[in-house]
PDB file of N, CA and C in Angstrom:
ATOM      1  N   MET A   1      67.587  45.068   4.310  1.00  0.00           N
ATOM      2  CA  MET A   1      68.836  45.706   4.728  1.00  0.00           C
ATOM      3  C   MET A   1      68.808  47.153   4.254  1.00  0.00           C
ATOM      4  N   LYS A   2      69.176  48.043   5.164  1.00  0.00           N
ATOM      5  CA  LYS A   2      69.261  49.467   4.845  1.00  0.00           C
ATOM      6  C   LYS A   2      70.703  49.927   4.966  1.00  0.00           C
ATOM      7  N   ILE A   3      71.006  50.981   4.245  1.00  0.00           N
ATOM      8  CA  ILE A   3      72.366  51.541   4.266  1.00  0.00           C
ATOM      9  C   ILE A   3      72.791  51.886   5.695  1.00  0.00           C
ATOM     10  N   ILE A   4      71.899  52.430   6.487  1.00  0.00           N
ATOM     11  CA  ILE A   4      72.240  52.821   7.871  1.00  0.00           C
ATOM     12  C   ILE A   4      72.711  51.607   8.677  1.00  0.00           C
ATOM     13  N   GLU A   5      72.164  50.434   8.412  1.00  0.00           N
ATOM     14  CA  GLU A   5      72.591  49.222   9.115  1.00  0.00           C
ATOM     15  C   GLU A   5      74.021  48.845   8.724  1.00  0.00           C
ATOM     16  N   ILE A   6      74.391  49.104   7.490  1.00  0.00           N
ATOM     17  CA  ILE A   6      75.756  48.836   7.039  1.00  0.00           C
ATOM     18  C   ILE A   6      76.727  49.820   7.693  1.00  0.00           C
ATOM     19  N   ILE A   7      76.347  51.084   7.747  1.00  0.00           N
ATOM     20  CA  ILE A   7      77.197  52.106   8.377  1.00  0.00           C
ATOM     21  C   ILE A   7      77.538  51.722   9.812  1.00  0.00           C
ATOM     22  N   GLU A   8      76.564  51.211  10.534  1.00  0.00           N
ATOM     23  CA  GLU A   8      76.782  50.821  11.927  1.00  0.00           C
ATOM     24  C   GLU A   8      77.847  49.734  12.053  1.00  0.00           C
ATOM     25  N   LYS A   9      77.964  48.865  11.073  1.00  0.00           N
ATOM     26  CA  LYS A   9      78.926  47.761  11.123  1.00  0.00           C
ATOM     27  C   LYS A   9      80.375  48.240  11.017  1.00  0.00           C
ATOM     28  N   PHE A  10      80.613  49.363  10.327  1.00  0.00           N
ATOM     29  CA  PHE A  10      81.992  49.820  10.172  1.00  0.00           C
ATOM     30  C   PHE A  10      82.292  51.115  10.917  1.00  0.00           C
ATOM     31  N   SER A  11      81.452  51.478  11.853  1.00  0.00           N
ATOM     32  CA  SER A  11      81.647  52.728  12.593  1.00  0.00           C
ATOM     33  C   SER A  11      82.917  52.740  13.441  1.00  0.00           C
ATOM     34  N   ARG A  12      83.469  51.585  13.788  1.00  0.00           N
ATOM     35  CA  ARG A  12      84.675  51.525  14.624  1.00  0.00           C
ATOM     36  C   ARG A  12      85.966  51.580  13.803  1.00  0.00           C
ATOM     37  N   LEU A  13      85.855  51.511  12.485  1.00  0.00           N
ATOM     38  CA  LEU A  13      87.039  51.519  11.629  1.00  0.00           C
ATOM     39  C   LEU A  13      87.429  52.941  11.244  1.00  0.00           C
ATOM     40  N   GLY A  14      88.687  53.108  10.887  1.00  0.00           N
ATOM     41  CA  GLY A  14      89.196  54.419  10.499  1.00  0.00           C
ATOM     42  C   GLY A  14      88.699  54.840   9.124  1.00  0.00           C
ATOM     43  N   ILE A  15      88.224  56.068   9.031  1.00  0.00           N
ATOM     44  CA  ILE A  15      87.754  56.622   7.770  1.00  0.00           C
ATOM     45  C   ILE A  15      88.588  57.858   7.460  1.00  0.00           C
ATOM     46  N   TYR A  16      89.177  57.878   6.292  1.00  0.00           N
ATOM     47  CA  TYR A  16      90.004  58.995   5.843  1.00  0.00           C
ATOM     48  C   TYR A  16      89.140  60.177   5.413  1.00  0.00           C
ATOM     49  N   GLU A  17      88.045  59.883   4.705  1.00  0.00           N
ATOM     50  CA  GLU A  17      87.187  60.960   4.196  1.00  0.00           C
ATOM     51  C   GLU A  17      85.772  60.430   3.980  1.00  0.00           C
ATOM     52  N   LYS A  18      84.775  61.177   4.475  1.00  0.00           N
ATOM     53  CA  LYS A  18      83.369  60.888   4.164  1.00  0.00           C
ATOM     54  C   LYS A  18      82.957  61.831   3.051  1.00  0.00           C
ATOM     55  N   ARG A  19      82.663  61.282   1.890  1.00  0.00           N
ATOM     56  CA  ARG A  19      82.287  62.115   0.744  1.00  0.00           C
ATOM     57  C   ARG A  19      80.784  62.316   0.665  1.00  0.00           C
ATOM     58  N   GLU A  20      80.027  61.240   0.914  1.00  0.00           N
ATOM     59  CA  GLU A  20      78.569  61.331   0.870  1.00  0.00           C
ATOM     60  C   GLU A  20      77.980  60.196   1.686  1.00  0.00           C
ATOM     61  N   VAL A  21      77.005  60.515   2.503  1.00  0.00           N
ATOM     62  CA  VAL A  21      76.298  59.504   3.277  1.00  0.00           C
ATOM     63  C   VAL A  21      74.814  59.831   3.177  1.00  0.00           C
ATOM     64  N   GLY A  22      74.073  58.966   2.504  1.00  0.00           N
ATOM     65  CA  GLY A  22      72.644  59.179   2.324  1.00  0.00           C
ATOM     66  C   GLY A  22      71.881  57.885   2.536  1.00  0.00           C
ATOM     67  N   ASP A  23      70.589  57.940   2.295  1.00  0.00           N
ATOM     68  CA  ASP A  23      69.736  56.767   2.490  1.00  0.00           C
ATOM     69  C   ASP A  23      70.022  55.654   1.489  1.00  0.00           C
ATOM     70  N   ASP A  24      70.419  56.022   0.267  1.00  0.00           N
ATOM     71  CA  ASP A  24      70.627  55.032  -0.778  1.00  0.00           C
ATOM     72  C   ASP A  24      72.049  54.988  -1.317  1.00  0.00           C
ATOM     73  N   TYR A  25      72.945  55.825  -0.771  1.00  0.00           N
ATOM     74  CA  TYR A  25      74.303  55.899  -1.317  1.00  0.00           C
ATOM     75  C   TYR A  25      75.285  56.349  -0.243  1.00  0.00           C
ATOM     76  N   ILE A  26      76.407  55.652  -0.186  1.00  0.00           N
ATOM     77  CA  ILE A  26      77.516  56.025   0.692  1.00  0.00           C
ATOM     78  C   ILE A  26      78.773  56.056  -0.174  1.00  0.00           C
ATOM     79  N   GLU A  27      79.562  57.092   0.007  1.00  0.00           N
ATOM     80  CA  GLU A  27      80.886  57.109  -0.602  1.00  0.00           C
ATOM     81  C   GLU A  27      81.855  57.663   0.422  1.00  0.00           C
ATOM     82  N   LEU A  28      82.874  56.879   0.705  1.00  0.00           N
ATOM     83  CA  LEU A  28      83.897  57.299   1.647  1.00  0.00           C
ATOM     84  C   LEU A  28      85.225  56.692   1.251  1.00  0.00           C
ATOM     85  N   VAL A  29      86.260  57.124   1.933  1.00  0.00           N
ATOM     86  CA  VAL A  29      87.614  56.614   1.695  1.00  0.00           C
ATOM     87  C   VAL A  29      88.133  56.050   3.012  1.00  0.00           C
ATOM     88  N   PHE A  30      88.660  54.835   2.945  1.00  0.00           N
ATOM     89  CA  PHE A  30      89.222  54.222   4.153  1.00  0.00           C
ATOM     90  C   PHE A  30      90.691  53.880   3.940  1.00  0.00           C
ATOM     91  N   TYR A  31      91.348  53.509   5.030  1.00  0.00           N
ATOM     92  CA  TYR A  31      92.770  53.171   5.007  1.00  0.00           C
ATOM     93  C   TYR A  31      92.953  51.681   4.688  1.00  0.00           C
ATOM     94  N   ASN A  32      93.885  51.383   3.810  1.00  0.00           N
ATOM     95  CA  ASN A  32      94.141  49.996   3.422  1.00  0.00           C
ATOM     96  C   ASN A  32      94.699  49.143   4.559  1.00  0.00           C
ATOM     97  N   THR A  33      95.200  49.755   5.603  1.00  0.00           N
ATOM     98  CA  THR A  33      95.699  48.971   6.736  1.00  0.00           C
ATOM     99  C   THR A  33      94.588  48.143   7.373  1.00  0.00           C
ATOM    100  N   GLU A  34      93.334  48.535   7.126  1.00  0.00           N
ATOM    101  CA  GLU A  34      92.188  47.807   7.681  1.00  0.00           C
ATOM    102  C   GLU A  34      91.374  47.092   6.603  1.00  0.00           C
ATOM    103  N   ILE A  35      91.958  46.872   5.436  1.00  0.00           N
ATOM    104  CA  ILE A  35      91.205  46.291   4.312  1.00  0.00           C
ATOM    105  C   ILE A  35      90.650  44.909   4.639  1.00  0.00           C
ATOM    106  N   ALA A  36      91.372  44.109   5.397  1.00  0.00           N
ATOM    107  CA  ALA A  36      90.870  42.776   5.758  1.00  0.00           C
ATOM    108  C   ALA A  36      89.586  42.889   6.581  1.00  0.00           C
ATOM    109  N   GLU A  37      89.537  43.867   7.482  1.00  0.00           N
ATOM    110  CA  GLU A  37      88.333  44.066   8.295  1.00  0.00           C
ATOM    111  C   GLU A  37      87.161  44.563   7.443  1.00  0.00           C
ATOM    112  N   TRP A  38      87.445  45.470   6.503  1.00  0.00           N
ATOM    113  CA  TRP A  38      86.393  45.945   5.590  1.00  0.00           C
ATOM    114  C   TRP A  38      85.857  44.785   4.760  1.00  0.00           C
ATOM    115  N   ASN A  39      86.750  43.959   4.233  1.00  0.00           N
ATOM    116  CA  ASN A  39      86.308  42.802   3.449  1.00  0.00           C
ATOM    117  C   ASN A  39      85.483  41.838   4.290  1.00  0.00           C
ATOM    118  N   LYS A  40      85.871  41.629   5.527  1.00  0.00           N
ATOM    119  CA  LYS A  40      85.115  40.733   6.404  1.00  0.00           C
ATOM    120  C   LYS A  40      83.714  41.263   6.651  1.00  0.00           C
ATOM    121  N   ILE A  41      83.606  42.548   6.921  1.00  0.00           N
ATOM    122  CA  ILE A  41      82.288  43.152   7.160  1.00  0.00           C
ATOM    123  C   ILE A  41      81.384  42.946   5.950  1.00  0.00           C
ATOM    124  N   PHE A  42      81.896  43.250   4.770  1.00  0.00           N
ATOM    125  CA  PHE A  42      81.058  43.131   3.582  1.00  0.00           C
ATOM    126  C   PHE A  42      80.788  41.684   3.200  1.00  0.00           C
ATOM    127  N   THR A  43      81.715  40.788   3.457  1.00  0.00           N
ATOM    128  CA  THR A  43      81.455  39.366   3.235  1.00  0.00           C
ATOM    129  C   THR A  43      80.378  38.873   4.190  1.00  0.00           C
ATOM    130  N   ASP A  44      80.427  39.317   5.446  1.00  0.00           N
ATOM    131  CA  ASP A  44      79.408  38.926   6.425  1.00  0.00           C
ATOM    132  C   ASP A  44      78.028  39.442   6.032  1.00  0.00           C
ATOM    133  N   ILE A  45      77.953  40.658   5.510  1.00  0.00           N
ATOM    134  CA  ILE A  45      76.671  41.275   5.171  1.00  0.00           C
ATOM    135  C   ILE A  45      76.170  40.830   3.796  1.00  0.00           C
ATOM    136  N   LEU A  46      77.061  40.825   2.814  1.00  0.00           N
ATOM    137  CA  LEU A  46      76.653  40.643   1.421  1.00  0.00           C
ATOM    138  C   LEU A  46      77.145  39.341   0.789  1.00  0.00           C
ATOM    139  N   ASP A  47      77.778  38.485   1.575  1.00  0.00           N
ATOM    140  CA  ASP A  47      78.353  37.244   1.075  1.00  0.00           C
ATOM    141  C   ASP A  47      79.661  37.543   0.328  1.00  0.00           C
ATOM    142  N   PRO A  48      80.379  36.504  -0.116  1.00  0.00           N
ATOM    143  CA  PRO A  48      81.657  36.756  -0.795  1.00  0.00           C
ATOM    144  C   PRO A  48      81.492  37.644  -2.033  1.00  0.00           C
ATOM    145  N   ALA A  49      82.552  38.345  -2.362  1.00  0.00           N
ATOM    146  CA  ALA A  49      82.541  39.256  -3.510  1.00  0.00           C
ATOM    147  C   ALA A  49      82.146  38.504  -4.779  1.00  0.00           C
ATOM    148  N   ILE A  50      81.288  39.140  -5.587  1.00  0.00           N
ATOM    149  CA  ILE A  50      80.931  38.531  -6.869  1.00  0.00           C
ATOM    150  C   ILE A  50      81.998  38.827  -7.923  1.00  0.00           C
ATOM    151  N   LYS A  51      82.847  39.832  -7.639  1.00  0.00           N
ATOM    152  CA  LYS A  51      83.980  40.161  -8.513  1.00  0.00           C
ATOM    153  C   LYS A  51      85.128  40.567  -7.610  1.00  0.00           C
ATOM    154  N   PRO A  52      85.989  39.597  -7.230  1.00  0.00           N
ATOM    155  CA  PRO A  52      87.132  39.934  -6.378  1.00  0.00           C
ATOM    156  C   PRO A  52      88.186  40.739  -7.142  1.00  0.00           C
ATOM    157  N   ALA A  53      89.026  41.433  -6.410  1.00  0.00           N
ATOM    158  CA  ALA A  53      90.160  42.128  -7.008  1.00  0.00           C
ATOM    159  C   ALA A  53      91.023  41.121  -7.756  1.00  0.00           C
ATOM    160  N   GLY A  54      91.512  41.535  -8.916  1.00  0.00           N
ATOM    161  CA  GLY A  54      92.373  40.672  -9.709  1.00  0.00           C
ATOM    162  C   GLY A  54      91.639  39.826 -10.733  1.00  0.00           C
ATOM    163  N   VAL A  55      90.302  39.896 -10.737  1.00  0.00           N
ATOM    164  CA  VAL A  55      89.490  39.141 -11.687  1.00  0.00           C
ATOM    165  C   VAL A  55      88.865  40.121 -12.668  1.00  0.00           C
ATOM    166  N   LYS A  56      88.986  39.808 -13.945  1.00  0.00           N
ATOM    167  CA  LYS A  56      88.430  40.681 -14.979  1.00  0.00           C
ATOM    168  C   LYS A  56      86.894  40.677 -14.881  1.00  0.00           C
ATOM    169  N   PRO A  57      86.261  41.857 -14.900  1.00  0.00           N
ATOM    170  CA  PRO A  57      84.796  41.912 -14.781  1.00  0.00           C
ATOM    171  C   PRO A  57      84.107  41.416 -16.057  1.00  0.00           C
ATOM    172  N   ASN A  58      83.005  40.703 -15.878  1.00  0.00           N
ATOM    173  CA  ASN A  58      82.230  40.261 -17.031  1.00  0.00           C
ATOM    174  C   ASN A  58      81.194  41.335 -17.398  1.00  0.00           C
ATOM    175  N   LYS A  59      80.448  41.117 -18.466  1.00  0.00           N
ATOM    176  CA  LYS A  59      79.486  42.117 -18.946  1.00  0.00           C
ATOM    177  C   LYS A  59      78.391  42.397 -17.928  1.00  0.00           C
ATOM    178  N   ASP A  60      77.900  41.374 -17.227  1.00  0.00           N
ATOM    179  CA  ASP A  60      76.846  41.585 -16.225  1.00  0.00           C
ATOM    180  C   ASP A  60      77.319  42.522 -15.118  1.00  0.00           C
ATOM    181  N   VAL A  61      78.529  42.310 -14.662  1.00  0.00           N
ATOM    182  CA  VAL A  61      79.108  43.147 -13.610  1.00  0.00           C
ATOM    183  C   VAL A  61      79.342  44.564 -14.128  1.00  0.00           C
ATOM    184  N   GLN A  62      79.813  44.681 -15.342  1.00  0.00           N
ATOM    185  CA  GLN A  62      80.021  46.004 -15.932  1.00  0.00           C
ATOM    186  C   GLN A  62      78.703  46.754 -16.069  1.00  0.00           C
ATOM    187  N   ASN A  63      77.661  46.070 -16.531  1.00  0.00           N
ATOM    188  CA  ASN A  63      76.352  46.701 -16.678  1.00  0.00           C
ATOM    189  C   ASN A  63      75.779  47.137 -15.330  1.00  0.00           C
ATOM    190  N   LEU A  64      75.961  46.319 -14.311  1.00  0.00           N
ATOM    191  CA  LEU A  64      75.459  46.626 -12.978  1.00  0.00           C
ATOM    192  C   LEU A  64      76.094  47.888 -12.405  1.00  0.00           C
ATOM    193  N   THR A  65      77.364  48.098 -12.695  1.00  0.00           N
ATOM    194  CA  THR A  65      78.118  49.179 -12.055  1.00  0.00           C
ATOM    195  C   THR A  65      78.335  50.416 -12.920  1.00  0.00           C
ATOM    196  N   GLU A  66      77.942  50.373 -14.180  1.00  0.00           N
ATOM    197  CA  GLU A  66      78.285  51.472 -15.089  1.00  0.00           C
ATOM    198  C   GLU A  66      77.738  52.826 -14.647  1.00  0.00           C
ATOM    199  N   ASP A  67      76.578  52.885 -14.021  1.00  0.00           N
ATOM    200  CA  ASP A  67      76.019  54.161 -13.561  1.00  0.00           C
ATOM    201  C   ASP A  67      76.766  54.736 -12.357  1.00  0.00           C
ATOM    202  N   PHE A  68      77.660  53.945 -11.770  1.00  0.00           N
ATOM    203  CA  PHE A  68      78.371  54.362 -10.558  1.00  0.00           C
ATOM    204  C   PHE A  68      79.883  54.419 -10.773  1.00  0.00           C
ATOM    205  N   GLY A  69      80.312  54.481 -12.011  1.00  0.00           N
ATOM    206  CA  GLY A  69      81.732  54.589 -12.323  1.00  0.00           C
ATOM    207  C   GLY A  69      82.359  53.329 -12.852  1.00  0.00           C
ATOM    208  N   GLY A  70      81.588  52.244 -12.923  1.00  0.00           N
ATOM    209  CA  GLY A  70      82.106  50.989 -13.446  1.00  0.00           C
ATOM    210  C   GLY A  70      82.972  50.244 -12.447  1.00  0.00           C
ATOM    211  N   ILE A  71      83.438  49.099 -12.872  1.00  0.00           N
ATOM    212  CA  ILE A  71      84.306  48.273 -12.025  1.00  0.00           C
ATOM    213  C   ILE A  71      85.424  47.729 -12.905  1.00  0.00           C
ATOM    214  N   TYR A  72      86.629  47.721 -12.378  1.00  0.00           N
ATOM    215  CA  TYR A  72      87.808  47.312 -13.131  1.00  0.00           C
ATOM    216  C   TYR A  72      88.483  46.133 -12.454  1.00  0.00           C
ATOM    217  N   GLU A  73      89.451  45.566 -13.121  1.00  0.00           N
ATOM    218  CA  GLU A  73      90.085  44.337 -12.658  1.00  0.00           C
ATOM    219  C   GLU A  73      90.637  44.436 -11.235  1.00  0.00           C
ATOM    220  N   GLU A  74      91.240  45.556 -10.872  1.00  0.00           N
ATOM    221  CA  GLU A  74      91.855  45.688  -9.547  1.00  0.00           C
ATOM    222  C   GLU A  74      90.846  46.018  -8.441  1.00  0.00           C
ATOM    223  N   GLN A  75      89.581  46.169  -8.804  1.00  0.00           N
ATOM    224  CA  GLN A  75      88.548  46.550  -7.852  1.00  0.00           C
ATOM    225  C   GLN A  75      87.713  45.348  -7.421  1.00  0.00           C
ATOM    226  N   THR A  76      86.983  45.521  -6.314  1.00  0.00           N
ATOM    227  CA  THR A  76      86.170  44.459  -5.732  1.00  0.00           C
ATOM    228  C   THR A  76      84.710  44.877  -5.748  1.00  0.00           C
ATOM    229  N   LEU A  77      83.824  43.915  -6.019  1.00  0.00           N
ATOM    230  CA  LEU A  77      82.386  44.177  -6.037  1.00  0.00           C
ATOM    231  C   LEU A  77      81.650  43.127  -5.224  1.00  0.00           C
ATOM    232  N   TYR A  78      80.832  43.615  -4.302  1.00  0.00           N
ATOM    233  CA  TYR A  78      79.917  42.780  -3.530  1.00  0.00           C
ATOM    234  C   TYR A  78      78.497  43.088  -3.980  1.00  0.00           C
ATOM    235  N   LYS A  79      77.626  42.095  -3.916  1.00  0.00           N
ATOM    236  CA  LYS A  79      76.218  42.308  -4.273  1.00  0.00           C
ATOM    237  C   LYS A  79      75.364  41.289  -3.543  1.00  0.00           C
ATOM    238  N   LYS A  80      74.235  41.774  -3.024  1.00  0.00           N
ATOM    239  CA  LYS A  80      73.275  40.853  -2.420  1.00  0.00           C
ATOM    240  C   LYS A  80      71.883  41.424  -2.590  1.00  0.00           C
ATOM    241  N   GLU A  81      70.971  40.542  -2.944  1.00  0.00           N
ATOM    242  CA  GLU A  81      69.571  40.922  -3.076  1.00  0.00           C
ATOM    243  C   GLU A  81      68.855  40.632  -1.770  1.00  0.00           C
ATOM    244  N   PHE A  82      68.130  41.645  -1.296  1.00  0.00           N
ATOM    245  CA  PHE A  82      67.302  41.517  -0.111  1.00  0.00           C
ATOM    246  C   PHE A  82      65.848  41.600  -0.559  1.00  0.00           C
ATOM    247  N   GLU A  83      64.942  41.559   0.366  1.00  0.00           N
ATOM    248  CA  GLU A  83      63.510  41.519   0.040  1.00  0.00           C
ATOM    249  C   GLU A  83      63.069  42.648  -0.892  1.00  0.00           C
ATOM    250  N   ASN A  84      63.408  43.892  -0.558  1.00  0.00           N
ATOM    251  CA  ASN A  84      62.930  45.033  -1.340  1.00  0.00           C
ATOM    252  C   ASN A  84      64.033  45.830  -2.016  1.00  0.00           C
ATOM    253  N   THR A  85      65.259  45.376  -1.891  1.00  0.00           N
ATOM    254  CA  THR A  85      66.371  46.158  -2.433  1.00  0.00           C
ATOM    255  C   THR A  85      67.566  45.256  -2.740  1.00  0.00           C
ATOM    256  N   THR A  86      68.425  45.744  -3.584  1.00  0.00           N
ATOM    257  CA  THR A  86      69.705  45.090  -3.850  1.00  0.00           C
ATOM    258  C   THR A  86      70.796  46.043  -3.396  1.00  0.00           C
ATOM    259  N   ILE A  87      71.733  45.532  -2.629  1.00  0.00           N
ATOM    260  CA  ILE A  87      72.858  46.337  -2.147  1.00  0.00           C
ATOM    261  C   ILE A  87      74.110  45.912  -2.907  1.00  0.00           C
ATOM    262  N   ILE A  88      74.829  46.910  -3.438  1.00  0.00           N
ATOM    263  CA  ILE A  88      76.140  46.633  -4.012  1.00  0.00           C
ATOM    264  C   ILE A  88      77.172  47.484  -3.281  1.00  0.00           C
ATOM    265  N   ALA A  89      78.372  46.960  -3.181  1.00  0.00           N
ATOM    266  CA  ALA A  89      79.484  47.687  -2.568  1.00  0.00           C
ATOM    267  C   ALA A  89      80.698  47.502  -3.464  1.00  0.00           C
ATOM    268  N   MET A  90      81.376  48.612  -3.739  1.00  0.00           N
ATOM    269  CA  MET A  90      82.550  48.592  -4.605  1.00  0.00           C
ATOM    270  C   MET A  90      83.749  49.150  -3.854  1.00  0.00           C
ATOM    271  N   PHE A  91      84.853  48.434  -3.904  1.00  0.00           N
ATOM    272  CA  PHE A  91      86.129  48.892  -3.352  1.00  0.00           C
ATOM    273  C   PHE A  91      87.002  49.334  -4.518  1.00  0.00           C
ATOM    274  N   TRP A  92      87.421  50.580  -4.514  1.00  0.00           N
ATOM    275  CA  TRP A  92      88.295  51.126  -5.544  1.00  0.00           C
ATOM    276  C   TRP A  92      89.620  51.508  -4.903  1.00  0.00           C
ATOM    277  N   PRO A  93      90.631  50.648  -4.945  1.00  0.00           N
ATOM    278  CA  PRO A  93      91.924  50.987  -4.340  1.00  0.00           C
ATOM    279  C   PRO A  93      92.620  52.117  -5.105  1.00  0.00           C
ATOM    280  N   TRP A  94      93.255  52.999  -4.357  1.00  0.00           N
ATOM    281  CA  TRP A  94      94.010  54.093  -4.949  1.00  0.00           C
ATOM    282  C   TRP A  94      95.370  53.581  -5.379  1.00  0.00           C
ATOM    283  N   GLN A  95      95.996  54.289  -6.295  1.00  0.00           N
ATOM    284  CA  GLN A  95      97.336  53.917  -6.743  1.00  0.00           C
ATOM    285  C   GLN A  95      98.395  54.162  -5.674  1.00  0.00           C
ATOM    286  N   ASN A  96      98.076  54.942  -4.639  1.00  0.00           N
ATOM    287  CA  ASN A  96      99.049  55.210  -3.581  1.00  0.00           C
ATOM    288  C   ASN A  96      99.205  54.035  -2.611  1.00  0.00           C
ATOM    289  N   ASP A  97      98.378  52.996  -2.753  1.00  0.00           N
ATOM    290  CA  ASP A  97      98.397  51.814  -1.881  1.00  0.00           C
ATOM    291  C   ASP A  97      98.107  52.134  -0.420  1.00  0.00           C
ATOM    292  N   VAL A  98      97.583  53.320  -0.134  1.00  0.00           N
ATOM    293  CA  VAL A  98      97.281  53.739   1.228  1.00  0.00           C
ATOM    294  C   VAL A  98      95.773  53.780   1.475  1.00  0.00           C
ATOM    295  N   ASN A  99      95.001  54.135   0.455  1.00  0.00           N
ATOM    296  CA  ASN A  99      93.567  54.355   0.618  1.00  0.00           C
ATOM    297  C   ASN A  99      92.757  53.559  -0.404  1.00  0.00           C
ATOM    298  N   THR A 100      91.470  53.384  -0.070  1.00  0.00           N
ATOM    299  CA  THR A 100      90.502  52.778  -0.971  1.00  0.00           C
ATOM    300  C   THR A 100      89.211  53.565  -0.874  1.00  0.00           C
ATOM    301  N   THR A 101      88.611  53.862  -2.021  1.00  0.00           N
ATOM    302  CA  THR A 101      87.286  54.463  -2.049  1.00  0.00           C
ATOM    303  C   THR A 101      86.257  53.349  -1.953  1.00  0.00           C
ATOM    304  N   LEU A 102      85.253  53.564  -1.119  1.00  0.00           N
ATOM    305  CA  LEU A 102      84.147  52.630  -0.957  1.00  0.00           C
ATOM    306  C   LEU A 102      82.874  53.293  -1.424  1.00  0.00           C
ATOM    307  N   LYS A 103      82.142  52.615  -2.291  1.00  0.00           N
ATOM    308  CA  LYS A 103      80.819  53.060  -2.694  1.00  0.00           C
ATOM    309  C   LYS A 103      79.837  51.957  -2.335  1.00  0.00           C
ATOM    310  N   VAL A 104      78.777  52.325  -1.618  1.00  0.00           N
ATOM    311  CA  VAL A 104      77.709  51.392  -1.276  1.00  0.00           C
ATOM    312  C   VAL A 104      76.423  51.978  -1.816  1.00  0.00           C
ATOM    313  N   ILE A 105      75.696  51.182  -2.603  1.00  0.00           N
ATOM    314  CA  ILE A 105      74.500  51.664  -3.257  1.00  0.00           C
ATOM    315  C   ILE A 105      73.341  50.721  -2.965  1.00  0.00           C
ATOM    316  N   ALA A 106      72.176  51.290  -2.629  1.00  0.00           N
ATOM    317  CA  ALA A 106      70.950  50.536  -2.480  1.00  0.00           C
ATOM    318  C   ALA A 106      70.120  50.750  -3.739  1.00  0.00           C
ATOM    319  N   LEU A 107      69.913  49.694  -4.487  1.00  0.00           N
ATOM    320  CA  LEU A 107      69.130  49.751  -5.721  1.00  0.00           C
ATOM    321  C   LEU A 107      67.713  49.289  -5.433  1.00  0.00           C
ATOM    322  N   GLN A 108      66.750  50.075  -5.824  1.00  0.00           N
ATOM    323  CA  GLN A 108      65.341  49.724  -5.581  1.00  0.00           C
ATOM    324  C   GLN A 108      64.762  48.986  -6.767  1.00  0.00           C
TER     325      GLN A 108
END
Protein backbone atom coordinates (compact mmCIF):
# COMPACT_ATOMS: atom_id res chain seq x y z
CA MET A 1 0.00 0.00 0.00
CA LYS A 2 1.27 3.44 -0.95
CA ILE A 3 0.17 6.83 0.31
CA ILE A 4 -1.01 7.80 -3.20
CA GLU A 5 -3.48 4.88 -3.13
CA ILE A 6 -4.94 6.21 0.12
CA ILE A 7 -5.26 9.74 -1.31
CA GLU A 8 -7.32 8.37 -4.20
CA LYS A 9 -9.84 6.86 -1.75
CA PHE A 10 -10.73 10.22 -0.18
CA SER A 11 -10.43 12.50 -3.21
CA ARG A 12 -14.24 13.00 -3.33
CA LEU A 13 -14.47 14.26 0.26
CA GLY A 14 -14.23 17.87 1.37
CA ILE A 15 -10.81 19.06 2.49
CA TYR A 16 -10.46 22.29 4.47
CA GLU A 17 -6.67 22.54 4.14
CA LYS A 18 -3.85 20.51 2.55
CA ARG A 19 -0.78 21.06 4.69
CA GLU A 20 1.58 18.47 3.21
CA VAL A 21 1.24 15.69 0.66
CA GLY A 22 4.29 13.54 0.01
CA ASP A 23 5.31 9.97 -0.72
CA ASP A 24 5.55 9.00 2.95
CA TYR A 25 3.48 11.65 4.75
CA ILE A 26 0.13 13.38 4.37
CA GLU A 27 -1.24 16.07 6.63
CA LEU A 28 -4.53 17.75 5.93
CA VAL A 29 -7.62 19.08 7.67
CA PHE A 30 -11.10 17.82 6.90
CA TYR A 31 -14.63 18.74 7.97
CA ASN A 32 -16.23 16.75 10.79
CA THR A 33 -19.52 16.62 8.89
CA GLU A 34 -17.90 13.80 6.89
CA ILE A 35 -16.13 12.05 9.78
CA ALA A 36 -18.15 8.84 9.36
CA GLU A 37 -16.99 8.60 5.73
CA TRP A 38 -13.36 9.25 6.72
CA ASN A 39 -13.58 6.55 9.38
CA LYS A 40 -15.10 4.11 6.90
CA ILE A 41 -12.33 4.71 4.37
CA PHE A 42 -9.61 4.12 6.93
CA THR A 43 -11.37 1.10 8.43
CA ASP A 44 -11.67 -0.38 4.93
CA ILE A 45 -7.98 0.24 4.19
CA LEU A 46 -6.33 -0.25 7.59
CA ASP A 47 -8.90 -2.28 9.54
CA PRO A 48 -10.62 -0.96 12.70
CA ALA A 49 -8.80 1.68 14.73
CA ILE A 50 -6.21 0.28 17.13
CA LYS A 51 -6.93 3.28 19.41
CA PRO A 52 -10.45 4.67 18.98
CA ALA A 53 -11.42 8.13 20.22
CA GLY A 54 -12.32 8.06 23.90
CA VAL A 55 -9.85 5.30 24.78
CA LYS A 56 -6.71 6.12 26.74
CA PRO A 57 -3.58 5.30 24.68
CA ASN A 58 -1.25 2.59 25.97
CA LYS A 59 2.57 2.80 25.93
CA ASP A 60 2.91 0.94 22.60
CA VAL A 61 0.59 3.40 20.89
CA GLN A 62 2.34 6.36 22.50
CA ASN A 63 5.74 5.07 21.38
CA LEU A 64 4.49 4.49 17.83
CA THR A 65 3.17 8.03 17.47
CA GLU A 66 5.59 10.13 19.53
CA ASP A 67 7.67 11.24 16.51
CA PHE A 68 4.49 12.58 14.87
CA GLY A 69 2.99 14.53 17.77
CA GLY A 70 1.71 11.66 19.88
CA ILE A 71 -1.83 10.45 20.35
CA TYR A 72 -4.29 11.45 23.06
CA GLU A 73 -7.52 10.07 24.45
CA GLU A 74 -9.82 12.09 22.16
CA GLN A 75 -7.86 11.09 19.05
CA THR A 76 -8.08 8.04 16.78
CA LEU A 77 -5.25 5.85 15.49
CA TYR A 78 -5.30 3.34 12.66
CA LYS A 79 -2.39 1.04 11.84
CA LYS A 80 -1.78 -1.75 9.39
CA GLU A 81 1.33 -3.59 8.35
CA PHE A 82 1.77 -4.30 4.66
CA GLU A 83 4.50 -6.26 2.90
CA ASN A 84 7.17 -3.53 2.88
CA THR A 85 5.67 -0.77 4.99
CA THR A 86 3.45 0.06 7.93
CA ILE A 87 0.79 2.73 7.47
CA ILE A 88 -0.57 4.70 10.40
CA ALA A 89 -3.32 7.31 10.30
CA MET A 90 -4.17 9.70 13.12
CA PHE A 91 -7.33 11.78 13.49
CA TRP A 92 -6.84 14.85 15.70
CA PRO A 93 -10.21 16.58 16.25
CA TRP A 94 -10.09 20.33 16.82
CA GLN A 95 -11.72 21.92 19.84
CA ASN A 96 -14.03 23.86 17.49
CA ASP A 97 -15.90 20.59 16.68
CA VAL A 98 -15.81 21.61 13.00
CA ASN A 99 -12.47 20.23 11.76
CA THR A 100 -10.08 17.33 12.25
CA THR A 101 -6.41 17.13 11.34
CA LEU A 102 -5.44 13.92 9.56
CA LYS A 103 -1.90 12.60 9.51
CA VAL A 104 -1.04 9.54 7.41
CA ILE A 105 2.46 8.15 7.67
CA ALA A 106 4.21 5.34 5.79
CA LEU A 107 6.86 3.78 8.01
CA GLN A 108 9.59 1.80 6.28
